[in-house]
Amino acid sequence: MIVAALYGCENDLRDVEKVASNRQSVVMDKSKGVEVLFSDSALVKAKLITPELDHYKTQDPYYEMKKGVTVIFYDQNQKESSRIVADYAIQHEKSKIVEMRRNVIATSVKGDVFKSDELFWDPSRTKPIYSNALVSITQKNGNVLYGTGIESDEGFKNAEIKNATGTFPSGAKIMQ
């Protein structure tokens, strides 16, 4: 019986060694103090700032910002239109989508403050800022809006809140 148990363990160890030998190494570049400019027709649209950027060169390459990120958006006059800060972000190299997570806070130039635990920026969409997580928006006038998601332009001028509750200003767009 002891021989059978040892033989069984030996097979398990061989399986573990086989699995371990199949591991693939991932090539990763690490950069510190990074600023990335996003432009269109020689106009800067956004600037991404992170203290540390890890570039993983996998089959589906991505950039990871474990120490936080700040994204500053600019209008057509090159003036800041909004700013987003998050504790963590990842950008998928092929799709260009940036996922921001944990303590996501966005401020618009008019003073509105957006808060959530998740926000996506997809430059290829008509409304490139979006989330399906709980959101709150505190407007400069003190009104607070809550919802189960948001879609917006980069300047948060035309934000649409899903299942919105709160004090609504006249002309607010509400998605149901």
Protein backbone atom coordinates (compact mmCIF):
# COMPACT_ATOMS: atom_id res chain seq x y z
CA MET A 1 0.00 0.00 0.00
CA ILE A 2 2.89 2.38 0.83
CA VAL A 3 4.48 1.57 -2.52
CA ALA A 4 1.19 2.41 -4.27
CA ALA A 5 0.95 5.73 -2.41
CA LEU A 6 4.53 6.65 -3.30
CA TYR A 7 3.94 5.64 -6.90
CA GLY A 8 0.81 7.82 -6.96
CA CYS A 9 2.77 10.78 -5.60
CA GLU A 10 5.49 10.20 -8.16
CA ASN A 11 2.95 10.45 -10.98
CA ASP A 12 1.60 13.66 -9.50
CA LEU A 13 5.11 15.13 -9.29
CA ARG A 14 5.76 14.20 -12.93
CA ASP A 15 2.51 15.91 -13.92
CA VAL A 16 3.50 19.02 -11.96
CA GLU A 17 6.93 19.08 -13.60
CA LYS A 18 5.32 18.66 -17.03
CA VAL A 19 2.91 21.55 -16.42
CA ALA A 20 5.70 23.72 -15.01
CA SER A 21 7.86 23.10 -18.09
CA ASN A 22 4.99 24.28 -20.34
CA ARG A 23 4.93 27.74 -18.76
CA GLN A 24 5.58 30.54 -21.17
CA SER A 25 7.69 33.46 -20.20
CA VAL A 26 6.14 36.88 -20.72
CA VAL A 27 8.27 39.71 -22.00
CA MET A 28 7.59 42.86 -20.02
CA ASP A 29 9.03 46.36 -20.21
CA LYS A 30 8.82 48.66 -17.19
CA SER A 31 8.94 52.45 -17.54
CA LYS A 32 8.80 55.10 -14.82
CA GLY A 33 7.53 58.68 -14.98
CA VAL A 34 5.55 58.19 -18.21
CA GLU A 35 3.58 60.76 -20.20
CA VAL A 36 1.77 59.62 -23.36
CA LEU A 37 0.18 62.08 -25.79
CA PHE A 38 -2.85 61.09 -27.88
CA SER A 39 -3.28 63.28 -30.95
CA ASP A 40 -5.41 63.56 -34.05
CA SER A 41 -4.39 65.70 -37.04
CA ALA A 42 -1.48 67.17 -35.05
CA LEU A 43 -3.78 68.32 -32.21
CA VAL A 44 -3.29 66.85 -28.76
CA LYS A 45 -6.58 65.23 -27.66
CA ALA A 46 -5.38 63.74 -24.37
CA LYS A 47 -2.38 63.18 -22.15
CA LEU A 48 -1.94 60.08 -19.98
CA ILE A 49 0.39 60.40 -16.99
CA THR A 50 1.46 57.50 -14.79
CA PRO A 51 4.34 57.00 -12.33
CA GLU A 52 4.93 53.47 -13.62
CA LEU A 53 3.92 51.71 -16.84
CA ASP A 54 4.34 47.97 -17.43
CA HIS A 55 4.10 46.80 -21.06
CA TYR A 56 3.24 43.11 -21.35
CA LYS A 57 4.14 41.67 -24.75
CA THR A 58 1.75 38.74 -24.82
CA GLN A 59 -0.46 37.44 -27.63
CA ASP A 60 -2.90 40.22 -26.65
CA PRO A 61 -0.42 42.94 -25.53
CA TYR A 62 -1.41 45.49 -22.91
CA TYR A 63 -0.11 48.29 -20.72
CA GLU A 64 -0.71 48.17 -16.97
CA MET A 65 -0.59 51.13 -14.61
CA LYS A 66 -0.59 49.62 -11.11
CA LYS A 67 0.40 52.84 -9.34
CA GLY A 68 -2.40 54.95 -10.77
CA VAL A 69 -3.08 57.15 -13.76
CA THR A 70 -4.20 60.65 -14.68
CA VAL A 71 -5.76 61.32 -18.08
CA ILE A 72 -6.18 64.96 -19.14
CA PHE A 73 -8.46 65.70 -22.09
CA TYR A 74 -8.12 68.80 -24.26
CA ASP A 75 -10.69 70.61 -26.40
CA GLN A 76 -10.10 71.83 -29.97
CA ASN A 77 -8.49 75.02 -28.56
CA GLN A 78 -5.94 72.90 -26.64
CA LYS A 79 -7.47 73.89 -23.27
CA GLU A 80 -8.15 71.26 -20.62
CA SER A 81 -11.77 70.05 -20.83
CA SER A 82 -11.67 67.31 -18.17
CA ARG A 83 -9.39 65.18 -16.04
CA ILE A 84 -9.72 61.60 -14.83
CA VAL A 85 -7.71 60.10 -11.96
CA ALA A 86 -7.77 56.41 -10.99
CA ASP A 87 -5.79 54.13 -8.68
CA TYR A 88 -5.31 51.50 -11.42
CA ALA A 89 -5.59 51.30 -15.21
CA ILE A 90 -4.93 48.96 -18.09
CA GLN A 91 -4.82 49.79 -21.80
CA HIS A 92 -5.29 47.09 -24.40
CA GLU A 93 -2.77 47.74 -27.16
CA LYS A 94 -4.89 46.47 -30.07
CA SER A 95 -8.24 48.06 -29.18
CA LYS A 96 -6.74 51.19 -27.52
CA ILE A 97 -9.42 50.92 -24.78
CA VAL A 98 -8.28 52.20 -21.38
CA GLU A 99 -9.95 50.61 -18.33
CA MET A 100 -9.68 52.70 -15.18
CA ARG A 101 -10.55 51.09 -11.86
CA ARG A 102 -10.66 51.84 -8.12
CA ASN A 103 -11.42 55.35 -6.92
CA VAL A 104 -12.09 56.79 -10.36
CA ILE A 105 -12.69 60.54 -10.14
CA ALA A 106 -13.31 62.73 -13.16
CA THR A 107 -13.68 66.51 -13.07
CA SER A 108 -15.03 68.63 -15.89
CA VAL A 109 -13.89 72.15 -16.68
CA LYS A 110 -17.25 73.43 -15.42
CA GLY A 111 -16.62 71.87 -11.98
CA ASP A 112 -18.75 68.71 -12.03
CA VAL A 113 -17.20 65.70 -10.24
CA PHE A 114 -17.88 62.14 -11.42
CA LYS A 115 -17.08 59.18 -9.10
CA SER A 116 -17.16 55.45 -9.71
CA ASP A 117 -15.07 52.31 -9.28
CA GLU A 118 -14.85 51.74 -13.04
CA LEU A 119 -14.64 53.86 -16.16
CA PHE A 120 -13.67 53.03 -19.75
CA TRP A 121 -12.24 55.31 -22.43
CA ASP A 122 -12.61 54.03 -25.99
CA PRO A 123 -11.48 56.71 -28.50
CA SER A 124 -13.21 54.86 -31.35
CA ARG A 125 -16.73 55.40 -29.92
CA THR A 126 -19.00 58.40 -30.47
CA LYS A 127 -19.35 58.68 -26.68
CA PRO A 128 -15.89 57.43 -25.71
CA ILE A 129 -16.30 57.62 -21.91
CA TYR A 130 -18.59 54.94 -20.46
CA SER A 131 -19.28 52.71 -17.48
CA ASN A 132 -21.87 50.17 -16.38
CA ALA A 133 -20.93 50.52 -12.71
CA LEU A 134 -22.62 52.68 -10.09
CA VAL A 135 -21.81 56.36 -10.62
CA SER A 136 -22.37 59.63 -8.82
CA ILE A 137 -22.01 63.11 -10.25
CA THR A 138 -21.81 66.12 -7.97
CA GLN A 139 -22.52 69.23 -9.96
CA LYS A 140 -20.93 72.56 -9.23
CA ASN A 141 -24.34 73.86 -8.05
CA GLY A 142 -24.50 71.09 -5.39
CA ASN A 143 -26.96 68.76 -7.16
CA VAL A 144 -25.99 65.10 -6.83
CA LEU A 145 -27.03 62.57 -9.47
CA TYR A 146 -26.72 58.79 -9.10
CA GLY A 147 -27.00 56.09 -11.73
CA THR A 148 -26.07 52.58 -12.80
CA GLY A 149 -23.84 53.71 -15.65
CA ILE A 150 -22.83 56.60 -17.86
CA GLU A 151 -21.96 57.45 -21.46
CA SER A 152 -20.27 60.74 -22.26
CA ASP A 153 -17.96 62.74 -24.44
CA GLU A 154 -14.45 63.36 -23.07
CA GLY A 155 -15.40 66.77 -21.67
CA PHE A 156 -18.44 65.40 -19.79
CA LYS A 157 -20.60 68.03 -21.54
CA ASN A 158 -23.16 65.56 -22.90
CA ALA A 159 -23.23 62.88 -20.20
CA GLU A 160 -26.12 60.43 -20.19
CA ILE A 161 -26.72 58.65 -16.88
CA LYS A 162 -28.44 55.25 -16.84
CA ASN A 163 -31.30 54.78 -14.34
CA ALA A 164 -30.62 58.20 -12.86
CA THR A 165 -31.91 59.43 -9.51
CA GLY A 166 -31.26 62.69 -7.69
CA THR A 167 -31.92 66.37 -8.27
CA PHE A 168 -32.08 66.98 -12.01
CA PRO A 169 -31.28 70.26 -13.70
CA SER A 170 -33.54 71.28 -16.55
CA GLY A 171 -32.54 69.69 -19.86
CA ALA A 172 -30.84 66.65 -18.26
CA LYS A 173 -30.58 63.54 -20.46
CA ILE A 174 -31.69 60.41 -18.66
CA MET A 175 -31.27 56.87 -20.04
CA GLN A 176 -33.77 54.26 -18.80
